[in-house]
Amino acid sequence: MDLSKLFDMQRELDERIEKQHPRQPDDRRIYSKLLALLVEIGELANETRCFKFWSNKGPSSKAKILEEGADVLHFLLSIGNEIHVKPSVEIIPITKISLDAQFLALYDQARLANIKEQWEWTFNLYVGLMETLGFTWDEVEAAYMRKNAVNHHRQESGY
């Protein structure tokens, strides 16, 4: 899978953010990005409600779940750019026996996504999760592009 276009789009957004919010001398932004990635994975899990055995309420709309999935992809790509992941990576979607197990595996792996080899495992778990949620890669990519435009607009408006 060639992720060049997505990595380029993310690089543009990150550079824009960097200009508006420059790094400080002791800034370890990669750790902020890792934490943001974990938070976004949690927000995605929350929208699926897959772990809420105590509730009768169903998951959010597919559109909302896809949007949260796009947020996860933003931080995966941002981290990938920072650690110089090659845009042409072999994607082997990894799926688990349940949605809960898929999220837990993704959480566990995402903590180490600032290491190239671990980033690839994380990405494969992410792709497997999105497939398990019923989305094609084309849908995920289109959602990313929509959210990327929103994020650029947010930067313009002083978000």
N, C-alpha and C. Protein backbone atom coordinates (compact mmCIF):
# COMPACT_ATOMS: atom_id res chain seq x y z
N MET A 1 0.85 -1.17 0.00
CA MET A 1 0.00 0.00 0.00
C MET A 1 0.90 1.24 0.00
N ASP A 2 0.60 2.17 -0.86
CA ASP A 2 1.38 3.40 -0.94
C ASP A 2 0.65 4.50 -0.17
N LEU A 3 1.26 4.93 0.89
CA LEU A 3 0.67 5.95 1.75
C LEU A 3 1.25 7.33 1.49
N SER A 4 1.98 7.49 0.37
CA SER A 4 2.67 8.75 0.09
C SER A 4 1.76 9.96 0.18
N LYS A 5 0.60 9.88 -0.46
CA LYS A 5 -0.31 11.02 -0.49
C LYS A 5 -0.77 11.38 0.93
N LEU A 6 -1.10 10.37 1.72
CA LEU A 6 -1.57 10.64 3.08
C LEU A 6 -0.45 11.18 3.96
N PHE A 7 0.74 10.60 3.83
CA PHE A 7 1.88 11.13 4.59
C PHE A 7 2.17 12.58 4.21
N ASP A 8 2.08 12.89 2.91
CA ASP A 8 2.31 14.27 2.46
C ASP A 8 1.26 15.22 3.02
N MET A 9 0.01 14.81 2.97
CA MET A 9 -1.06 15.65 3.52
C MET A 9 -0.86 15.89 5.01
N GLN A 10 -0.47 14.86 5.72
CA GLN A 10 -0.24 14.99 7.16
C GLN A 10 0.97 15.88 7.44
N ARG A 11 2.00 15.72 6.62
CA ARG A 11 3.20 16.56 6.79
C ARG A 11 2.85 18.03 6.64
N GLU A 12 2.03 18.35 5.64
CA GLU A 12 1.60 19.74 5.44
C GLU A 12 0.87 20.27 6.67
N LEU A 13 -0.04 19.48 7.20
CA LEU A 13 -0.78 19.90 8.39
C LEU A 13 0.16 20.05 9.58
N ASP A 14 1.05 19.09 9.77
CA ASP A 14 1.98 19.16 10.90
C ASP A 14 2.90 20.38 10.79
N GLU A 15 3.35 20.70 9.58
CA GLU A 15 4.21 21.88 9.40
C GLU A 15 3.44 23.15 9.71
N ARG A 16 2.21 23.18 9.33
CA ARG A 16 1.37 24.35 9.64
C ARG A 16 1.19 24.50 11.15
N ILE A 17 0.91 23.40 11.81
CA ILE A 17 0.75 23.42 13.26
C ILE A 17 2.06 23.85 13.92
N GLU A 18 3.17 23.33 13.41
CA GLU A 18 4.50 23.64 13.95
C GLU A 18 4.80 25.14 13.86
N LYS A 19 4.39 25.77 12.76
CA LYS A 19 4.60 27.21 12.62
C LYS A 19 3.79 28.00 13.64
N GLN A 20 2.57 27.56 13.88
CA GLN A 20 1.69 28.27 14.82
C GLN A 20 1.98 27.90 16.28
N HIS A 21 2.55 26.73 16.48
CA HIS A 21 2.85 26.25 17.83
C HIS A 21 4.26 25.65 17.83
N PRO A 22 5.29 26.52 17.76
CA PRO A 22 6.67 26.02 17.65
C PRO A 22 7.06 25.14 18.84
N ARG A 23 7.95 24.22 18.56
CA ARG A 23 8.48 23.37 19.62
C ARG A 23 9.36 24.20 20.54
N GLN A 24 9.32 23.84 21.80
CA GLN A 24 10.18 24.46 22.79
C GLN A 24 11.44 23.61 22.92
N PRO A 25 12.52 24.17 23.49
CA PRO A 25 13.78 23.41 23.57
C PRO A 25 13.64 22.03 24.22
N ASP A 26 12.80 21.91 25.22
CA ASP A 26 12.64 20.62 25.90
C ASP A 26 11.42 19.84 25.42
N ASP A 27 10.87 20.25 24.29
CA ASP A 27 9.63 19.65 23.76
C ASP A 27 9.91 18.25 23.20
N ARG A 28 9.25 17.27 23.77
CA ARG A 28 9.32 15.91 23.25
C ARG A 28 7.96 15.62 22.63
N ARG A 29 7.69 16.28 21.52
CA ARG A 29 6.37 16.24 20.90
C ARG A 29 5.94 14.82 20.53
N ILE A 30 6.89 13.95 20.28
CA ILE A 30 6.53 12.58 19.91
C ILE A 30 5.71 11.93 21.03
N TYR A 31 6.02 12.25 22.28
CA TYR A 31 5.26 11.68 23.40
C TYR A 31 3.86 12.26 23.46
N SER A 32 3.73 13.53 23.14
CA SER A 32 2.39 14.14 23.07
C SER A 32 1.58 13.48 21.97
N LYS A 33 2.23 13.17 20.86
CA LYS A 33 1.53 12.52 19.75
C LYS A 33 1.13 11.09 20.12
N LEU A 34 2.00 10.39 20.83
CA LEU A 34 1.66 9.03 21.28
C LEU A 34 0.46 9.06 22.22
N LEU A 35 0.47 10.01 23.15
CA LEU A 35 -0.66 10.13 24.06
C LEU A 35 -1.93 10.49 23.31
N ALA A 36 -1.82 11.42 22.36
CA ALA A 36 -2.98 11.80 21.55
C ALA A 36 -3.51 10.60 20.77
N LEU A 37 -2.61 9.77 20.25
CA LEU A 37 -3.02 8.56 19.54
C LEU A 37 -3.83 7.64 20.46
N LEU A 38 -3.34 7.44 21.67
CA LEU A 38 -4.06 6.59 22.62
C LEU A 38 -5.43 7.17 22.97
N VAL A 39 -5.49 8.49 23.14
CA VAL A 39 -6.77 9.14 23.44
C VAL A 39 -7.74 8.95 22.28
N GLU A 40 -7.26 9.12 21.05
CA GLU A 40 -8.13 8.97 19.88
C GLU A 40 -8.61 7.52 19.73
N ILE A 41 -7.75 6.56 20.04
CA ILE A 41 -8.19 5.16 20.01
C ILE A 41 -9.30 4.96 21.04
N GLY A 42 -9.15 5.57 22.21
CA GLY A 42 -10.18 5.49 23.24
C GLY A 42 -11.49 6.12 22.80
N GLU A 43 -11.39 7.27 22.12
CA GLU A 43 -12.60 7.92 21.62
C GLU A 43 -13.29 7.05 20.57
N LEU A 44 -12.50 6.39 19.73
CA LEU A 44 -13.07 5.48 18.74
C LEU A 44 -13.77 4.31 19.43
N ALA A 45 -13.11 3.73 20.43
CA ALA A 45 -13.73 2.62 21.18
C ALA A 45 -15.03 3.08 21.82
N ASN A 46 -15.03 4.29 22.37
CA ASN A 46 -16.22 4.81 23.03
C ASN A 46 -17.39 4.93 22.06
N GLU A 47 -17.12 5.35 20.83
CA GLU A 47 -18.19 5.48 19.84
C GLU A 47 -18.75 4.13 19.42
N THR A 48 -17.92 3.09 19.44
CA THR A 48 -18.42 1.75 19.08
C THR A 48 -19.23 1.15 20.23
N ARG A 49 -18.91 1.56 21.45
CA ARG A 49 -19.58 1.06 22.66
C ARG A 49 -19.40 -0.45 22.82
N CYS A 50 -18.37 -1.01 22.18
CA CYS A 50 -18.19 -2.47 22.19
C CYS A 50 -17.92 -3.03 23.58
N PHE A 51 -17.46 -2.21 24.48
CA PHE A 51 -17.11 -2.67 25.82
C PHE A 51 -18.19 -2.37 26.86
N LYS A 52 -19.24 -1.70 26.45
CA LYS A 52 -20.26 -1.24 27.41
C LYS A 52 -21.35 -2.30 27.59
N PHE A 53 -20.94 -3.41 28.20
CA PHE A 53 -21.86 -4.53 28.41
C PHE A 53 -23.03 -4.16 29.32
N TRP A 54 -22.90 -3.10 30.08
CA TRP A 54 -23.92 -2.68 31.03
C TRP A 54 -25.00 -1.80 30.41
N SER A 55 -24.83 -1.49 29.12
CA SER A 55 -25.74 -0.54 28.48
C SER A 55 -26.49 -1.18 27.32
N ASN A 56 -27.72 -0.77 27.13
CA ASN A 56 -28.52 -1.23 25.99
C ASN A 56 -28.37 -0.32 24.78
N LYS A 57 -27.76 0.83 24.97
CA LYS A 57 -27.59 1.78 23.88
C LYS A 57 -26.60 1.23 22.86
N GLY A 58 -26.94 1.33 21.60
CA GLY A 58 -26.08 0.82 20.54
C GLY A 58 -24.94 1.77 20.19
N PRO A 59 -24.15 1.39 19.21
CA PRO A 59 -23.02 2.24 18.80
C PRO A 59 -23.49 3.53 18.13
N SER A 60 -22.57 4.47 18.04
CA SER A 60 -22.84 5.70 17.30
C SER A 60 -23.01 5.37 15.83
N SER A 61 -23.37 6.36 15.05
CA SER A 61 -23.54 6.15 13.61
C SER A 61 -22.23 5.73 12.97
N LYS A 62 -22.34 5.04 11.85
CA LYS A 62 -21.13 4.63 11.12
C LYS A 62 -20.30 5.85 10.75
N ALA A 63 -20.98 6.95 10.40
CA ALA A 63 -20.26 8.18 10.03
C ALA A 63 -19.42 8.70 11.19
N LYS A 64 -19.97 8.69 12.40
CA LYS A 64 -19.24 9.17 13.58
C LYS A 64 -18.07 8.25 13.89
N ILE A 65 -18.29 6.95 13.80
CA ILE A 65 -17.22 5.98 14.05
C ILE A 65 -16.11 6.16 13.02
N LEU A 66 -16.47 6.35 11.77
CA LEU A 66 -15.47 6.56 10.72
C LEU A 66 -14.69 7.84 10.96
N GLU A 67 -15.36 8.89 11.39
CA GLU A 67 -14.68 10.16 11.69
C GLU A 67 -13.65 9.97 12.82
N GLU A 68 -14.03 9.23 13.85
CA GLU A 68 -13.08 8.96 14.93
C GLU A 68 -11.92 8.11 14.43
N GLY A 69 -12.21 7.18 13.52
CA GLY A 69 -11.14 6.39 12.92
C GLY A 69 -10.17 7.25 12.14
N ALA A 70 -10.68 8.29 11.49
CA ALA A 70 -9.83 9.23 10.75
C ALA A 70 -8.93 10.00 11.71
N ASP A 71 -9.43 10.32 12.89
CA ASP A 71 -8.60 11.00 13.89
C ASP A 71 -7.44 10.12 14.33
N VAL A 72 -7.70 8.83 14.50
CA VAL A 72 -6.62 7.90 14.84
C VAL A 72 -5.58 7.90 13.73
N LEU A 73 -6.03 7.85 12.49
CA LEU A 73 -5.12 7.82 11.35
C LEU A 73 -4.26 9.08 11.30
N HIS A 74 -4.81 10.23 11.64
CA HIS A 74 -4.02 11.47 11.65
C HIS A 74 -2.79 11.32 12.54
N PHE A 75 -2.98 10.79 13.73
CA PHE A 75 -1.84 10.68 14.64
C PHE A 75 -0.91 9.55 14.25
N LEU A 76 -1.43 8.48 13.68
CA LEU A 76 -0.55 7.43 13.16
C LEU A 76 0.37 7.98 12.07
N LEU A 77 -0.21 8.74 11.15
CA LEU A 77 0.59 9.32 10.07
C LEU A 77 1.58 10.36 10.60
N SER A 78 1.14 11.16 11.54
CA SER A 78 2.02 12.18 12.11
C SER A 78 3.23 11.54 12.79
N ILE A 79 2.99 10.51 13.56
CA ILE A 79 4.09 9.79 14.20
C ILE A 79 4.96 9.12 13.14
N GLY A 80 4.33 8.51 12.14
CA GLY A 80 5.08 7.89 11.05
C GLY A 80 6.00 8.87 10.35
N ASN A 81 5.51 10.07 10.10
CA ASN A 81 6.36 11.10 9.49
C ASN A 81 7.53 11.45 10.39
N GLU A 82 7.27 11.58 11.66
CA GLU A 82 8.31 11.99 12.60
C GLU A 82 9.42 10.95 12.72
N ILE A 83 9.08 9.68 12.59
CA ILE A 83 10.10 8.62 12.72
C ILE A 83 10.56 8.12 11.35
N HIS A 84 10.13 8.80 10.30
CA HIS A 84 10.58 8.53 8.92
C HIS A 84 10.19 7.14 8.41
N VAL A 85 8.95 6.78 8.60
CA VAL A 85 8.43 5.53 8.04
C VAL A 85 8.36 5.69 6.53
N LYS A 86 8.76 4.66 5.80
CA LYS A 86 8.65 4.70 4.34
C LYS A 86 7.18 4.64 3.96
N PRO A 87 6.77 5.49 3.00
CA PRO A 87 5.34 5.54 2.65
C PRO A 87 4.83 4.30 1.94
N SER A 88 5.72 3.49 1.42
CA SER A 88 5.30 2.26 0.77
C SER A 88 5.55 1.11 1.76
N VAL A 89 4.51 0.76 2.49
CA VAL A 89 4.64 -0.29 3.51
C VAL A 89 3.71 -1.44 3.16
N GLU A 90 4.15 -2.63 3.53
CA GLU A 90 3.30 -3.80 3.33
C GLU A 90 2.26 -3.83 4.43
N ILE A 91 1.00 -3.78 4.04
CA ILE A 91 -0.08 -3.79 5.01
C ILE A 91 -0.67 -5.19 5.09
N ILE A 92 -0.62 -5.74 6.27
CA ILE A 92 -1.22 -7.04 6.54
C ILE A 92 -2.18 -6.81 7.70
N PRO A 93 -3.46 -6.58 7.39
CA PRO A 93 -4.41 -6.29 8.47
C PRO A 93 -4.43 -7.40 9.51
N ILE A 94 -4.29 -7.01 10.75
CA ILE A 94 -4.31 -7.96 11.87
C ILE A 94 -5.65 -7.82 12.57
N THR A 95 -6.35 -8.94 12.69
CA THR A 95 -7.63 -8.91 13.40
C THR A 95 -7.59 -9.90 14.56
N LYS A 96 -8.36 -9.59 15.58
CA LYS A 96 -8.45 -10.42 16.78
C LYS A 96 -9.83 -11.06 16.86
N ILE A 97 -10.05 -11.87 17.88
CA ILE A 97 -11.30 -12.63 17.98
C ILE A 97 -12.51 -11.78 18.33
N SER A 98 -12.28 -10.61 18.88
CA SER A 98 -13.40 -9.74 19.23
C SER A 98 -12.97 -8.30 19.09
N LEU A 99 -13.94 -7.42 19.03
CA LEU A 99 -13.65 -5.99 18.94
C LEU A 99 -12.90 -5.51 20.18
N ASP A 100 -13.29 -6.00 21.34
CA ASP A 100 -12.59 -5.64 22.58
C ASP A 100 -11.11 -6.02 22.48
N ALA A 101 -10.86 -7.25 22.05
CA ALA A 101 -9.48 -7.73 21.93
C ALA A 101 -8.71 -6.92 20.89
N GLN A 102 -9.38 -6.52 19.81
CA GLN A 102 -8.73 -5.71 18.78
C GLN A 102 -8.31 -4.36 19.36
N PHE A 103 -9.20 -3.72 20.10
CA PHE A 103 -8.86 -2.43 20.71
C PHE A 103 -7.72 -2.59 21.72
N LEU A 104 -7.77 -3.62 22.54
CA LEU A 104 -6.71 -3.83 23.52
C LEU A 104 -5.35 -4.06 22.86
N ALA A 105 -5.34 -4.85 21.79
CA ALA A 105 -4.09 -5.08 21.07
C ALA A 105 -3.57 -3.78 20.46
N LEU A 106 -4.48 -2.98 19.90
CA LEU A 106 -4.08 -1.71 19.31
C LEU A 106 -3.53 -0.76 20.37
N TYR A 107 -4.20 -0.68 21.51
CA TYR A 107 -3.70 0.14 22.63
C TYR A 107 -2.30 -0.29 23.02
N ASP A 108 -2.13 -1.59 23.22
CA ASP A 108 -0.85 -2.12 23.67
C ASP A 108 0.26 -1.78 22.69
N GLN A 109 -0.02 -1.97 21.41
CA GLN A 109 0.98 -1.73 20.38
C GLN A 109 1.23 -0.24 20.17
N ALA A 110 0.19 0.57 20.25
CA ALA A 110 0.30 2.01 19.97
C ALA A 110 1.24 2.71 20.94
N ARG A 111 1.41 2.17 22.13
CA ARG A 111 2.32 2.78 23.10
C ARG A 111 3.75 2.83 22.58
N LEU A 112 4.06 1.95 21.63
CA LEU A 112 5.42 1.86 21.08
C LEU A 112 5.49 2.31 19.63
N ALA A 113 4.50 3.05 19.18
CA ALA A 113 4.42 3.42 17.76
C ALA A 113 5.49 4.41 17.33
N ASN A 114 6.32 4.88 18.25
CA ASN A 114 7.43 5.76 17.87
C ASN A 114 8.67 4.97 17.45
N ILE A 115 8.55 3.65 17.40
CA ILE A 115 9.60 2.77 16.89
C ILE A 115 9.10 2.21 15.56
N LYS A 116 9.92 2.31 14.50
CA LYS A 116 9.44 1.98 13.15
C LYS A 116 8.75 0.63 13.05
N GLU A 117 9.40 -0.41 13.54
CA GLU A 117 8.82 -1.75 13.42
C GLU A 117 7.50 -1.84 14.18
N GLN A 118 7.45 -1.20 15.32
CA GLN A 118 6.22 -1.21 16.12
C GLN A 118 5.13 -0.36 15.46
N TRP A 119 5.55 0.71 14.77
CA TRP A 119 4.59 1.54 14.05
C TRP A 119 3.86 0.69 13.00
N GLU A 120 4.61 -0.14 12.28
CA GLU A 120 4.01 -0.97 11.24
C GLU A 120 3.00 -1.96 11.85
N TRP A 121 3.34 -2.57 12.98
CA TRP A 121 2.40 -3.46 13.65
C TRP A 121 1.16 -2.69 14.08
N THR A 122 1.38 -1.50 14.62
CA THR A 122 0.26 -0.66 15.05
C THR A 122 -0.64 -0.34 13.87
N PHE A 123 -0.02 0.02 12.75
CA PHE A 123 -0.80 0.37 11.56
C PHE A 123 -1.60 -0.83 11.07
N ASN A 124 -0.99 -2.00 11.07
CA ASN A 124 -1.70 -3.21 10.64
C ASN A 124 -2.88 -3.53 11.57
N LEU A 125 -2.70 -3.32 12.86
CA LEU A 125 -3.81 -3.51 13.81
C LEU A 125 -4.91 -2.48 13.56
N TYR A 126 -4.52 -1.25 13.25
CA TYR A 126 -5.50 -0.20 12.95
C TYR A 126 -6.31 -0.57 11.70
N VAL A 127 -5.62 -0.99 10.64
CA VAL A 127 -6.33 -1.37 9.41
C VAL A 127 -7.26 -2.54 9.68
N GLY A 128 -6.78 -3.52 10.44
CA GLY A 128 -7.64 -4.65 10.82
C GLY A 128 -8.85 -4.21 11.62
N LEU A 129 -8.66 -3.26 12.52
CA LEU A 129 -9.78 -2.74 13.30
C LEU A 129 -10.81 -2.07 12.40
N MET A 130 -10.35 -1.23 11.50
CA MET A 130 -11.29 -0.52 10.63
C MET A 130 -12.04 -1.51 9.73
N GLU A 131 -11.35 -2.56 9.28
CA GLU A 131 -12.04 -3.60 8.49
C GLU A 131 -13.07 -4.33 9.36
N THR A 132 -12.70 -4.64 10.59
CA THR A 132 -13.63 -5.31 11.50
C THR A 132 -14.86 -4.45 11.75
N LEU A 133 -14.67 -3.13 11.77
CA LEU A 133 -15.78 -2.20 11.96
C LEU A 133 -16.62 -2.04 10.69
N GLY A 134 -16.17 -2.68 9.59
CA GLY A 134 -16.96 -2.68 8.36
C GLY A 134 -16.60 -1.63 7.34
N PHE A 135 -15.40 -1.03 7.47
CA PHE A 135 -14.99 0.02 6.55
C PHE A 135 -13.95 -0.48 5.57
N THR A 136 -14.05 -0.03 4.33
CA THR A 136 -13.02 -0.31 3.33
C THR A 136 -11.91 0.72 3.48
N TRP A 137 -10.75 0.42 2.91
CA TRP A 137 -9.65 1.39 2.97
C TRP A 137 -10.04 2.67 2.23
N ASP A 138 -10.77 2.55 1.13
CA ASP A 138 -11.20 3.75 0.40
C ASP A 138 -12.06 4.66 1.29
N GLU A 139 -12.93 4.07 2.10
CA GLU A 139 -13.76 4.86 3.01
C GLU A 139 -12.90 5.54 4.08
N VAL A 140 -11.93 4.81 4.60
CA VAL A 140 -11.04 5.36 5.63
C VAL A 140 -10.23 6.51 5.05
N GLU A 141 -9.69 6.31 3.86
CA GLU A 141 -8.89 7.34 3.20
C GLU A 141 -9.73 8.59 2.93
N ALA A 142 -10.94 8.42 2.44
CA ALA A 142 -11.82 9.56 2.16
C ALA A 142 -12.16 10.31 3.45
N ALA A 143 -12.40 9.57 4.52
CA ALA A 143 -12.69 10.21 5.82
C ALA A 143 -11.48 10.99 6.31
N TYR A 144 -10.29 10.43 6.12
CA TYR A 144 -9.07 11.13 6.50
C TYR A 144 -8.95 12.45 5.74
N MET A 145 -9.21 12.42 4.45
CA MET A 145 -9.09 13.63 3.63
C MET A 145 -10.09 14.69 4.07
N ARG A 146 -11.31 14.27 4.38
CA ARG A 146 -12.32 15.22 4.89
C ARG A 146 -11.86 15.84 6.21
N LYS A 147 -11.39 15.00 7.11
CA LYS A 147 -10.97 15.49 8.43
C LYS A 147 -9.71 16.34 8.33
N ASN A 148 -8.84 16.03 7.39
CA ASN A 148 -7.64 16.83 7.17
C ASN A 148 -8.04 18.25 6.78
N ALA A 149 -9.03 18.38 5.91
CA ALA A 149 -9.52 19.70 5.50
C ALA A 149 -10.10 20.44 6.71
N VAL A 150 -10.85 19.74 7.54
CA VAL A 150 -11.41 20.34 8.77
C VAL A 150 -10.27 20.82 9.67
N ASN A 151 -9.24 20.01 9.82
CA ASN A 151 -8.12 20.38 10.69
C ASN A 151 -7.37 21.60 10.16
N HIS A 152 -7.23 21.71 8.84
CA HIS A 152 -6.62 22.92 8.26
C HIS A 152 -7.49 24.13 8.57
N HIS A 153 -8.79 23.98 8.42
CA HIS A 153 -9.71 25.09 8.70
C HIS A 153 -9.61 25.49 10.17
N ARG A 154 -9.49 24.52 11.04
CA ARG A 154 -9.35 24.81 12.48
C ARG A 154 -8.09 25.64 12.74
N GLN A 155 -7.02 25.33 12.03
CA GLN A 155 -5.79 26.11 12.21
C GLN A 155 -5.97 27.54 11.73
N GLU A 156 -6.72 27.71 10.64
CA GLU A 156 -7.00 29.05 10.12
C GLU A 156 -7.80 29.88 11.12
N SER A 157 -8.68 29.22 11.85
CA SER A 157 -9.58 29.95 12.75
C SER A 157 -9.08 30.00 14.19
N GLY A 158 -7.81 29.65 14.40
CA GLY A 158 -7.21 29.77 15.72
C GLY A 158 -7.64 28.72 16.72
N TYR A 159 -7.90 27.53 16.27
CA TYR A 159 -8.37 26.41 17.10
C TYR A 159 -7.46 26.16 18.28
